[in-house]
N, C-alpha and C. Protein backbone atom coordinates (compact mmCIF):
# COMPACT_ATOMS: atom_id res chain seq x y z
N UNK A 1 -63.19 -29.46 9.91
CA UNK A 1 -61.79 -29.84 9.89
C UNK A 1 -61.64 -31.13 9.11
N UNK A 2 -60.61 -31.22 8.32
CA UNK A 2 -60.36 -32.45 7.58
C UNK A 2 -59.94 -33.54 8.55
N UNK A 3 -60.42 -34.74 8.31
CA UNK A 3 -60.10 -35.85 9.19
C UNK A 3 -58.60 -36.06 9.31
N UNK A 4 -57.87 -35.90 8.21
CA UNK A 4 -56.42 -36.11 8.25
C UNK A 4 -55.75 -35.09 9.16
N UNK A 5 -56.22 -33.84 9.14
CA UNK A 5 -55.65 -32.82 10.00
C UNK A 5 -55.93 -33.12 11.47
N UNK A 6 -57.15 -33.51 11.75
CA UNK A 6 -57.54 -33.78 13.12
C UNK A 6 -56.76 -34.96 13.69
N UNK A 7 -56.60 -36.01 12.94
CA UNK A 7 -55.90 -37.18 13.45
C UNK A 7 -54.44 -36.87 13.75
N UNK A 8 -53.86 -35.92 13.05
CA UNK A 8 -52.46 -35.56 13.27
C UNK A 8 -52.30 -34.63 14.46
N UNK A 9 -53.33 -33.86 14.80
CA UNK A 9 -53.21 -32.85 15.82
C UNK A 9 -53.69 -33.30 17.19
N UNK A 10 -54.90 -33.81 17.27
CA UNK A 10 -55.51 -34.27 18.50
C UNK A 10 -55.28 -33.31 19.66
N UNK A 11 -55.67 -32.06 19.47
CA UNK A 11 -55.57 -31.05 20.51
C UNK A 11 -56.67 -31.29 21.55
N UNK A 12 -56.40 -31.08 22.82
CA UNK A 12 -57.40 -31.32 23.87
C UNK A 12 -58.71 -30.57 23.65
N UNK A 13 -58.64 -29.33 23.16
CA UNK A 13 -59.85 -28.54 22.95
C UNK A 13 -60.76 -29.14 21.90
N UNK A 14 -60.22 -29.97 21.02
CA UNK A 14 -61.03 -30.55 19.94
C UNK A 14 -62.17 -31.42 20.46
N UNK A 15 -62.00 -32.00 21.63
CA UNK A 15 -63.06 -32.83 22.21
C UNK A 15 -64.30 -32.01 22.56
N UNK A 16 -64.15 -30.71 22.73
CA UNK A 16 -65.24 -29.82 23.11
C UNK A 16 -65.81 -29.04 21.93
N UNK A 17 -65.25 -29.24 20.76
CA UNK A 17 -65.63 -28.44 19.58
C UNK A 17 -67.04 -28.77 19.10
N UNK A 18 -67.73 -27.73 18.67
CA UNK A 18 -69.09 -27.88 18.14
C UNK A 18 -69.10 -28.72 16.86
N UNK A 19 -67.97 -28.78 16.16
CA UNK A 19 -67.90 -29.53 14.90
C UNK A 19 -67.61 -31.02 15.12
N UNK A 20 -67.31 -31.41 16.33
CA UNK A 20 -66.96 -32.80 16.60
C UNK A 20 -68.09 -33.73 16.14
N UNK A 21 -67.72 -34.70 15.34
CA UNK A 21 -68.67 -35.68 14.84
C UNK A 21 -69.41 -35.27 13.58
N UNK A 22 -69.24 -34.04 13.15
CA UNK A 22 -69.90 -33.59 11.92
C UNK A 22 -69.05 -33.94 10.72
N UNK A 23 -69.66 -33.98 9.57
CA UNK A 23 -68.96 -34.26 8.33
C UNK A 23 -67.93 -33.17 8.06
N UNK A 24 -66.65 -33.52 7.95
CA UNK A 24 -65.61 -32.51 7.71
C UNK A 24 -65.83 -31.69 6.44
N UNK A 25 -66.52 -32.25 5.46
CA UNK A 25 -66.76 -31.53 4.21
C UNK A 25 -67.45 -30.19 4.42
N UNK A 26 -68.27 -30.09 5.47
CA UNK A 26 -68.96 -28.84 5.78
C UNK A 26 -67.94 -27.71 5.98
N UNK A 27 -66.81 -28.06 6.57
CA UNK A 27 -65.81 -27.07 6.95
C UNK A 27 -64.77 -26.82 5.86
N UNK A 28 -64.96 -27.44 4.73
CA UNK A 28 -64.07 -27.24 3.57
C UNK A 28 -64.92 -26.94 2.34
N UNK A 29 -65.64 -25.80 2.37
CA UNK A 29 -66.47 -25.44 1.21
C UNK A 29 -65.59 -25.08 0.02
N UNK A 30 -66.16 -25.17 -1.17
CA UNK A 30 -65.39 -24.89 -2.38
C UNK A 30 -65.10 -23.40 -2.54
N UNK A 31 -65.83 -22.55 -1.83
CA UNK A 31 -65.57 -21.11 -1.87
C UNK A 31 -66.00 -20.49 -0.54
N UNK A 32 -65.46 -19.31 -0.26
CA UNK A 32 -65.84 -18.60 0.96
C UNK A 32 -67.33 -18.26 0.97
N UNK A 33 -67.90 -18.04 -0.19
CA UNK A 33 -69.32 -17.72 -0.29
C UNK A 33 -70.20 -18.86 0.22
N UNK A 34 -69.68 -20.08 0.21
CA UNK A 34 -70.45 -21.25 0.65
C UNK A 34 -70.09 -21.68 2.07
N UNK A 35 -69.37 -20.84 2.78
CA UNK A 35 -68.90 -21.18 4.13
C UNK A 35 -69.94 -20.91 5.21
N UNK A 36 -71.08 -20.36 4.87
CA UNK A 36 -72.11 -19.99 5.85
C UNK A 36 -72.47 -21.06 6.86
N UNK A 37 -72.79 -22.28 6.42
CA UNK A 37 -73.15 -23.31 7.40
C UNK A 37 -72.03 -23.61 8.41
N UNK A 38 -70.81 -23.66 7.95
CA UNK A 38 -69.68 -23.92 8.84
C UNK A 38 -69.49 -22.74 9.80
N UNK A 39 -69.56 -21.54 9.28
CA UNK A 39 -69.39 -20.35 10.12
C UNK A 39 -70.48 -20.28 11.19
N UNK A 40 -71.68 -20.67 10.86
CA UNK A 40 -72.78 -20.67 11.83
C UNK A 40 -72.50 -21.64 12.98
N UNK A 41 -71.98 -22.80 12.65
CA UNK A 41 -71.63 -23.78 13.68
C UNK A 41 -70.49 -23.25 14.54
N UNK A 42 -69.47 -22.71 13.90
CA UNK A 42 -68.30 -22.19 14.62
C UNK A 42 -68.64 -21.05 15.57
N UNK A 43 -69.55 -20.20 15.16
CA UNK A 43 -69.86 -19.02 15.98
C UNK A 43 -70.48 -19.41 17.32
N UNK A 44 -71.01 -20.61 17.43
CA UNK A 44 -71.60 -21.07 18.71
C UNK A 44 -70.62 -21.94 19.49
N UNK A 45 -69.45 -22.15 18.97
CA UNK A 45 -68.50 -23.11 19.55
C UNK A 45 -67.78 -22.54 20.77
N UNK A 46 -67.71 -23.33 21.85
CA UNK A 46 -67.04 -22.85 23.06
C UNK A 46 -65.51 -22.80 22.94
N UNK A 47 -64.95 -23.43 21.92
CA UNK A 47 -63.49 -23.44 21.77
C UNK A 47 -63.05 -22.72 20.49
N UNK A 48 -63.88 -21.81 20.03
CA UNK A 48 -63.61 -21.07 18.79
C UNK A 48 -62.26 -20.38 18.80
N UNK A 49 -61.90 -19.73 19.89
CA UNK A 49 -60.64 -19.00 19.96
C UNK A 49 -59.46 -19.96 19.88
N UNK A 50 -59.53 -21.07 20.60
CA UNK A 50 -58.45 -22.07 20.55
C UNK A 50 -58.30 -22.63 19.15
N UNK A 51 -59.42 -22.87 18.50
CA UNK A 51 -59.42 -23.39 17.14
C UNK A 51 -58.76 -22.39 16.18
N UNK A 52 -59.14 -21.14 16.30
CA UNK A 52 -58.56 -20.10 15.45
C UNK A 52 -57.05 -19.99 15.68
N UNK A 53 -56.64 -19.97 16.93
CA UNK A 53 -55.20 -19.85 17.22
C UNK A 53 -54.44 -21.07 16.70
N UNK A 54 -55.05 -22.24 16.81
CA UNK A 54 -54.42 -23.44 16.24
C UNK A 54 -54.24 -23.28 14.74
N UNK A 55 -55.30 -22.86 14.06
CA UNK A 55 -55.25 -22.72 12.59
C UNK A 55 -54.18 -21.73 12.16
N UNK A 56 -54.06 -20.65 12.89
CA UNK A 56 -53.04 -19.66 12.56
C UNK A 56 -51.65 -20.22 12.80
N UNK A 57 -51.44 -20.85 13.94
CA UNK A 57 -50.10 -21.37 14.25
C UNK A 57 -49.73 -22.55 13.37
N UNK A 58 -50.71 -23.33 12.96
CA UNK A 58 -50.45 -24.49 12.09
C UNK A 58 -50.43 -24.10 10.61
N UNK A 59 -50.69 -22.82 10.35
CA UNK A 59 -50.72 -22.30 8.98
C UNK A 59 -51.71 -23.05 8.09
N UNK A 60 -52.91 -23.28 8.65
CA UNK A 60 -53.98 -23.92 7.88
C UNK A 60 -54.39 -22.98 6.76
N UNK A 61 -54.23 -23.42 5.54
CA UNK A 61 -54.53 -22.57 4.38
C UNK A 61 -55.88 -22.87 3.75
N UNK A 62 -56.57 -23.84 4.29
CA UNK A 62 -57.87 -24.22 3.75
C UNK A 62 -58.87 -24.38 4.88
N UNK A 63 -60.13 -24.27 4.53
CA UNK A 63 -61.19 -24.60 5.46
C UNK A 63 -61.58 -23.48 6.41
N UNK A 64 -62.63 -23.78 7.16
CA UNK A 64 -63.14 -22.88 8.19
C UNK A 64 -62.64 -23.38 9.53
N UNK A 65 -61.96 -22.52 10.24
CA UNK A 65 -61.41 -22.81 11.57
C UNK A 65 -61.71 -21.62 12.46
N UNK A 66 -62.20 -21.84 13.65
CA UNK A 66 -62.43 -20.74 14.58
C UNK A 66 -63.31 -19.65 14.03
N UNK A 67 -64.31 -20.02 13.27
CA UNK A 67 -65.26 -19.08 12.66
C UNK A 67 -64.59 -18.12 11.68
N UNK A 68 -63.53 -18.59 11.04
CA UNK A 68 -62.87 -17.79 10.00
C UNK A 68 -62.60 -18.64 8.77
N UNK A 69 -62.63 -17.98 7.63
CA UNK A 69 -62.23 -18.64 6.39
C UNK A 69 -60.72 -18.44 6.22
N UNK A 70 -60.14 -19.08 5.25
CA UNK A 70 -58.71 -18.92 4.98
C UNK A 70 -58.40 -17.45 4.68
N UNK A 71 -59.27 -16.79 3.97
CA UNK A 71 -59.09 -15.37 3.64
C UNK A 71 -59.11 -14.53 4.92
N UNK A 72 -60.04 -14.83 5.82
CA UNK A 72 -60.10 -14.12 7.10
C UNK A 72 -58.81 -14.30 7.89
N UNK A 73 -58.29 -15.52 7.90
CA UNK A 73 -57.07 -15.80 8.66
C UNK A 73 -55.87 -15.07 8.07
N UNK A 74 -55.79 -15.00 6.76
CA UNK A 74 -54.70 -14.24 6.13
C UNK A 74 -54.76 -12.77 6.56
N UNK A 75 -55.96 -12.23 6.62
CA UNK A 75 -56.14 -10.84 7.04
C UNK A 75 -55.72 -10.67 8.51
N UNK A 76 -56.09 -11.59 9.37
CA UNK A 76 -55.70 -11.54 10.78
C UNK A 76 -54.18 -11.58 10.91
N UNK A 77 -53.55 -12.46 10.17
CA UNK A 77 -52.09 -12.58 10.23
C UNK A 77 -51.43 -11.28 9.79
N UNK A 78 -51.92 -10.70 8.71
CA UNK A 78 -51.37 -9.41 8.24
C UNK A 78 -51.52 -8.32 9.30
N UNK A 79 -52.70 -8.25 9.91
CA UNK A 79 -52.93 -7.23 10.95
C UNK A 79 -52.03 -7.45 12.15
N UNK A 80 -51.84 -8.70 12.53
CA UNK A 80 -50.96 -8.99 13.67
C UNK A 80 -49.52 -8.61 13.35
N UNK A 81 -49.08 -8.86 12.13
CA UNK A 81 -47.72 -8.49 11.75
C UNK A 81 -47.53 -6.97 11.79
N UNK A 82 -48.54 -6.24 11.32
CA UNK A 82 -48.46 -4.78 11.31
C UNK A 82 -48.39 -4.21 12.72
N UNK A 83 -49.13 -4.82 13.65
CA UNK A 83 -49.17 -4.29 15.00
C UNK A 83 -48.02 -4.77 15.88
N UNK A 84 -47.24 -5.72 15.38
CA UNK A 84 -46.12 -6.25 16.18
C UNK A 84 -44.91 -5.36 16.13
């Protein structure tokens, strides 16, 4: 998560996140192909679902959130719209 995003949000679940204290750059790779390290960290995170829901509701268009890339989140949003 970018430091600027985190400082603006300060969600309670963020204190429990596996990414807490790590370099935010890990979670903002230059391409989805380089997102592996961030995705590995996220997949073990106890607040992954809360993080993903935050990213979707906040319309985060960059970075890895809740073990998803921006492309993954766009796909989730499309699927949710279709099923609604």
